[in-house]
Amino acid sequence: MSKKAKKRRTPASGDVATNRRARHKFELIERFEAGIQLQGSEVKALREGRAQLNDAYAVVEKGEVWLRGAHIPPYEPASRQNHDPDRPRKLLLHRREIERLIGKTAERGLTLVATRIYFKGPRAKVELALARNKEGRDARREIRDRDVRREIERDYKQRLA
């Protein structure tokens, strides 16, 4: 397969973009769904499945929640009316949810990480996760546990066969 014909990895059904690295880097404690305020060309780029959430996180500033680090590339046919691909985007949440997030993020070591962007009907949504950074030993323990589970499953399948 040539470089030009290289297939793009498609995200899970219904998802536009997922942040798979978040599960490895963070311990995800609680998840929230938020609307996202977009420009027209951004919506069209999302419908094409073009977005990256690798380093995306949310910040609460002056009573509003903003998504930073999300990359939505320009929509080519829009040419002059295109958007800035890395601009901060406002997230739409109820006032009570924002106040709750302010209290949670004030706790030591908790942050809001964007885990996926998806469409729910005609509206684009962002899934945020309240997360705590994994320490090196936690990540190593998780990898070791996963390897042990794989070995057990492999032995079990061999015994059945």
C-alpha atoms as a PDB file:
ATOM      1  CA  MET A   1       0.000   0.000   0.000  1.00  0.00           C
ATOM      2  CA  SER A   2       1.495   3.327  -1.021  1.00  0.00           C
ATOM      3  CA  LYS A   3       1.729   6.314   1.302  1.00  0.00           C
ATOM      4  CA  LYS A   4      -1.042   8.142  -0.551  1.00  0.00           C
ATOM      5  CA  ALA A   5      -3.390   5.181  -0.358  1.00  0.00           C
ATOM      6  CA  LYS A   6      -2.777   4.729   3.362  1.00  0.00           C
ATOM      7  CA  LYS A   7      -6.030   4.148   5.227  1.00  0.00           C
ATOM      8  CA  ARG A   8      -6.893   6.320   8.194  1.00  0.00           C
ATOM      9  CA  ARG A   9      -7.739   4.493  11.387  1.00  0.00           C
ATOM     10  CA  THR A  10     -11.442   4.985  11.978  1.00  0.00           C
ATOM     11  CA  PRO A  11     -12.605   5.687  15.512  1.00  0.00           C
ATOM     12  CA  ALA A  12     -15.303   3.635  17.255  1.00  0.00           C
ATOM     13  CA  SER A  13     -18.753   3.838  15.714  1.00  0.00           C
ATOM     14  CA  GLY A  14     -20.415   7.177  16.417  1.00  0.00           C
ATOM     15  CA  ASP A  15     -17.160   8.730  17.581  1.00  0.00           C
ATOM     16  CA  VAL A  16     -15.413  11.452  15.630  1.00  0.00           C
ATOM     17  CA  ALA A  17     -12.231  11.347  17.724  1.00  0.00           C
ATOM     18  CA  THR A  18     -11.072   9.494  20.801  1.00  0.00           C
ATOM     19  CA  ASN A  19      -8.244  10.143  23.213  1.00  0.00           C
ATOM     20  CA  ARG A  20      -6.960   6.608  23.744  1.00  0.00           C
ATOM     21  CA  ARG A  21      -3.850   7.836  25.503  1.00  0.00           C
ATOM     22  CA  ALA A  22      -5.934   9.346  28.322  1.00  0.00           C
ATOM     23  CA  ARG A  23      -6.750   5.895  29.733  1.00  0.00           C
ATOM     24  CA  HIS A  24      -3.051   5.076  29.912  1.00  0.00           C
ATOM     25  CA  LYS A  25      -1.822   8.379  31.327  1.00  0.00           C
ATOM     26  CA  PHE A  26      -4.672   9.074  33.761  1.00  0.00           C
ATOM     27  CA  GLU A  27      -6.940   7.289  36.185  1.00  0.00           C
ATOM     28  CA  LEU A  28     -10.409   8.314  34.946  1.00  0.00           C
ATOM     29  CA  ILE A  29     -12.657   8.911  37.947  1.00  0.00           C
ATOM     30  CA  GLU A  30     -15.879  10.401  36.593  1.00  0.00           C
ATOM     31  CA  ARG A  31     -17.217  11.260  33.114  1.00  0.00           C
ATOM     32  CA  PHE A  32     -19.284  14.232  31.943  1.00  0.00           C
ATOM     33  CA  GLU A  33     -21.011  15.041  28.660  1.00  0.00           C
ATOM     34  CA  ALA A  34     -20.779  18.614  27.381  1.00  0.00           C
ATOM     35  CA  GLY A  35     -21.956  20.402  24.283  1.00  0.00           C
ATOM     36  CA  ILE A  36     -19.354  22.263  22.278  1.00  0.00           C
ATOM     37  CA  GLN A  37     -19.712  25.660  20.624  1.00  0.00           C
ATOM     38  CA  LEU A  38     -18.435  25.329  17.040  1.00  0.00           C
ATOM     39  CA  GLN A  39     -18.264  27.329  13.840  1.00  0.00           C
ATOM     40  CA  GLY A  40     -19.834  25.935  10.661  1.00  0.00           C
ATOM     41  CA  SER A  41     -16.567  24.858   9.066  1.00  0.00           C
ATOM     42  CA  GLU A  42     -15.612  23.026  12.282  1.00  0.00           C
ATOM     43  CA  VAL A  43     -18.835  21.013  12.212  1.00  0.00           C
ATOM     44  CA  LYS A  44     -18.187  20.004   8.605  1.00  0.00           C
ATOM     45  CA  ALA A  45     -14.616  18.975   9.429  1.00  0.00           C
ATOM     46  CA  LEU A  46     -15.925  16.897  12.357  1.00  0.00           C
ATOM     47  CA  ARG A  47     -18.511  15.225  10.122  1.00  0.00           C
ATOM     48  CA  GLU A  48     -15.597  14.135   7.921  1.00  0.00           C
ATOM     49  CA  GLY A  49     -14.097  12.511  11.035  1.00  0.00           C
ATOM     50  CA  ARG A  50     -11.160  14.864  11.239  1.00  0.00           C
ATOM     51  CA  ALA A  51     -10.175  15.816  14.779  1.00  0.00           C
ATOM     52  CA  GLN A  52      -7.400  15.056  17.246  1.00  0.00           C
ATOM     53  CA  LEU A  53      -7.722  14.984  21.031  1.00  0.00           C
ATOM     54  CA  ASN A  54      -4.233  13.798  21.969  1.00  0.00           C
ATOM     55  CA  ASP A  55      -3.470  16.639  24.392  1.00  0.00           C
ATOM     56  CA  ALA A  56      -6.973  18.050  24.874  1.00  0.00           C
ATOM     57  CA  TYR A  57      -8.079  19.205  28.302  1.00  0.00           C
ATOM     58  CA  ALA A  58     -10.736  21.488  29.761  1.00  0.00           C
ATOM     59  CA  VAL A  59     -10.211  24.553  31.936  1.00  0.00           C
ATOM     60  CA  VAL A  60     -12.717  26.481  34.043  1.00  0.00           C
ATOM     61  CA  GLU A  61     -12.197  30.243  33.632  1.00  0.00           C
ATOM     62  CA  LYS A  62     -14.530  32.957  34.942  1.00  0.00           C
ATOM     63  CA  GLY A  63     -17.428  30.542  35.334  1.00  0.00           C
ATOM     64  CA  GLU A  64     -17.061  29.081  31.813  1.00  0.00           C
ATOM     65  CA  VAL A  65     -15.497  25.819  30.677  1.00  0.00           C
ATOM     66  CA  TRP A  66     -13.089  25.914  27.721  1.00  0.00           C
ATOM     67  CA  LEU A  67     -11.661  23.040  25.690  1.00  0.00           C
ATOM     68  CA  ARG A  68      -7.970  23.534  24.893  1.00  0.00           C
ATOM     69  CA  GLY A  69      -5.534  21.452  22.899  1.00  0.00           C
ATOM     70  CA  ALA A  70      -8.153  19.928  20.583  1.00  0.00           C
ATOM     71  CA  HIS A  71      -7.165  20.119  16.938  1.00  0.00           C
ATOM     72  CA  ILE A  72      -9.894  20.338  14.296  1.00  0.00           C
ATOM     73  CA  PRO A  73      -8.179  20.841  10.922  1.00  0.00           C
ATOM     74  CA  PRO A  74      -9.581  23.377   8.440  1.00  0.00           C
ATOM     75  CA  TYR A  75     -12.394  22.277   6.155  1.00  0.00           C
ATOM     76  CA  GLU A  76     -10.893  22.618   2.676  1.00  0.00           C
ATOM     77  CA  PRO A  77     -14.003  23.751   0.708  1.00  0.00           C
ATOM     78  CA  ALA A  78     -14.597  26.611   3.201  1.00  0.00           C
ATOM     79  CA  SER A  79     -11.313  28.298   2.131  1.00  0.00           C
ATOM     80  CA  ARG A  80     -11.664  31.924   3.322  1.00  0.00           C
ATOM     81  CA  GLN A  81     -14.290  31.389   6.025  1.00  0.00           C
ATOM     82  CA  ASN A  82     -12.226  28.710   7.743  1.00  0.00           C
ATOM     83  CA  HIS A  83     -11.540  28.481  11.461  1.00  0.00           C
ATOM     84  CA  ASP A  84      -8.351  28.467  13.514  1.00  0.00           C
ATOM     85  CA  PRO A  85      -7.655  24.737  14.040  1.00  0.00           C
ATOM     86  CA  ASP A  86      -6.244  25.062  17.574  1.00  0.00           C
ATOM     87  CA  ARG A  87      -8.479  27.765  19.044  1.00  0.00           C
ATOM     88  CA  PRO A  88     -10.024  27.289  22.514  1.00  0.00           C
ATOM     89  CA  ARG A  89     -13.663  26.188  22.236  1.00  0.00           C
ATOM     90  CA  LYS A  90     -16.379  26.952  24.756  1.00  0.00           C
ATOM     91  CA  LEU A  91     -18.082  23.944  26.329  1.00  0.00           C
ATOM     92  CA  LEU A  92     -21.769  24.106  27.136  1.00  0.00           C
ATOM     93  CA  LEU A  93     -22.731  22.864  30.594  1.00  0.00           C
ATOM     94  CA  HIS A  94     -25.396  23.745  33.139  1.00  0.00           C
ATOM     95  CA  ARG A  95     -24.380  26.198  35.869  1.00  0.00           C
ATOM     96  CA  ARG A  96     -24.649  23.488  38.571  1.00  0.00           C
ATOM     97  CA  GLU A  97     -22.364  21.186  36.578  1.00  0.00           C
ATOM     98  CA  ILE A  98     -19.781  23.957  36.184  1.00  0.00           C
ATOM     99  CA  GLU A  99     -19.862  24.727  39.918  1.00  0.00           C
ATOM    100  CA  ARG A 100     -19.438  21.034  40.675  1.00  0.00           C
ATOM    101  CA  LEU A 101     -16.457  20.852  38.294  1.00  0.00           C
ATOM    102  CA  ILE A 102     -14.881  23.890  39.950  1.00  0.00           C
ATOM    103  CA  GLY A 103     -15.094  22.111  43.310  1.00  0.00           C
ATOM    104  CA  LYS A 104     -13.734  18.842  41.912  1.00  0.00           C
ATOM    105  CA  THR A 105     -10.823  20.397  40.018  1.00  0.00           C
ATOM    106  CA  ALA A 106      -9.858  22.415  43.099  1.00  0.00           C
ATOM    107  CA  GLU A 107      -8.985  19.072  44.731  1.00  0.00           C
ATOM    108  CA  ARG A 108      -5.309  18.268  44.571  1.00  0.00           C
ATOM    109  CA  GLY A 109      -4.202  16.502  41.415  1.00  0.00           C
ATOM    110  CA  LEU A 110      -7.514  16.371  39.528  1.00  0.00           C
ATOM    111  CA  THR A 111      -7.891  17.651  35.989  1.00  0.00           C
ATOM    112  CA  LEU A 112     -10.478  17.551  33.187  1.00  0.00           C
ATOM    113  CA  VAL A 113      -9.382  15.527  30.180  1.00  0.00           C
ATOM    114  CA  ALA A 114     -11.299  15.294  26.893  1.00  0.00           C
ATOM    115  CA  THR A 115     -11.740  11.593  26.087  1.00  0.00           C
ATOM    116  CA  ARG A 116     -13.866  11.708  22.928  1.00  0.00           C
ATOM    117  CA  ILE A 117     -15.879  13.868  20.520  1.00  0.00           C
ATOM    118  CA  TYR A 118     -19.025  12.408  19.022  1.00  0.00           C
ATOM    119  CA  PHE A 119     -22.349  13.375  17.484  1.00  0.00           C
ATOM    120  CA  LYS A 120     -25.575  12.866  19.402  1.00  0.00           C
ATOM    121  CA  GLY A 121     -28.234  13.553  16.823  1.00  0.00           C
ATOM    122  CA  PRO A 122     -27.260  16.768  15.040  1.00  0.00           C
ATOM    123  CA  ARG A 123     -25.191  18.101  17.949  1.00  0.00           C
ATOM    124  CA  ALA A 124     -21.485  17.610  18.595  1.00  0.00           C
ATOM    125  CA  LYS A 125     -20.666  16.499  22.136  1.00  0.00           C
ATOM    126  CA  VAL A 126     -17.452  16.162  24.122  1.00  0.00           C
ATOM    127  CA  GLU A 127     -16.943  13.562  26.805  1.00  0.00           C
ATOM    128  CA  LEU A 128     -14.852  14.947  29.646  1.00  0.00           C
ATOM    129  CA  ALA A 129     -13.329  12.822  32.348  1.00  0.00           C
ATOM    130  CA  LEU A 130     -12.293  13.958  35.784  1.00  0.00           C
ATOM    131  CA  ALA A 131      -8.847  12.403  35.985  1.00  0.00           C
ATOM    132  CA  ARG A 132      -5.892  11.902  38.278  1.00  0.00           C
ATOM    133  CA  ASN A 133      -2.411  11.460  36.850  1.00  0.00           C
ATOM    134  CA  LYS A 134      -1.072   7.906  37.186  1.00  0.00           C
ATOM    135  CA  GLU A 135       2.236   7.619  38.907  1.00  0.00           C
ATOM    136  CA  GLY A 136       4.908   5.504  37.266  1.00  0.00           C
ATOM    137  CA  ARG A 137       4.345   2.574  39.599  1.00  0.00           C
ATOM    138  CA  ASP A 138       0.570   2.623  38.940  1.00  0.00           C
ATOM    139  CA  ALA A 139       1.109   2.471  35.182  1.00  0.00           C
ATOM    140  CA  ARG A 140       3.624  -0.371  35.547  1.00  0.00           C
ATOM    141  CA  ARG A 141       1.239  -2.295  37.826  1.00  0.00           C
ATOM    142  CA  GLU A 142      -1.569  -1.918  35.289  1.00  0.00           C
ATOM    143  CA  ILE A 143       0.651  -3.192  32.461  1.00  0.00           C
ATOM    144  CA  ARG A 144       1.761  -6.143  34.588  1.00  0.00           C
ATOM    145  CA  ASP A 145      -1.859  -7.014  35.502  1.00  0.00           C
ATOM    146  CA  ARG A 146      -2.913  -6.835  31.843  1.00  0.00           C
ATOM    147  CA  ASP A 147      -0.037  -9.141  30.832  1.00  0.00           C
ATOM    148  CA  VAL A 148      -0.985 -11.632  33.548  1.00  0.00           C
ATOM    149  CA  ARG A 149      -4.619 -11.622  32.397  1.00  0.00           C
ATOM    150  CA  ARG A 150      -3.489 -12.258  28.813  1.00  0.00           C
ATOM    151  CA  GLU A 151      -1.316 -15.182  29.917  1.00  0.00           C
ATOM    152  CA  ILE A 152      -4.192 -16.705  31.901  1.00  0.00           C
ATOM    153  CA  GLU A 153      -6.570 -16.371  28.930  1.00  0.00           C
ATOM    154  CA  ARG A 154      -3.956 -17.878  26.593  1.00  0.00           C
ATOM    155  CA  ASP A 155      -3.402 -20.872  28.922  1.00  0.00           C
ATOM    156  CA  TYR A 156      -7.146 -21.339  29.299  1.00  0.00           C
ATOM    157  CA  LYS A 157      -7.679 -21.387  25.512  1.00  0.00           C
ATOM    158  CA  GLN A 158      -4.837 -23.888  25.063  1.00  0.00           C
ATOM    159  CA  ARG A 159      -6.348 -26.229  27.643  1.00  0.00           C
ATOM    160  CA  LEU A 160      -9.759 -26.069  25.950  1.00  0.00           C
ATOM    161  CA  ALA A 161      -8.313 -26.840  22.523  1.00  0.00           C
END
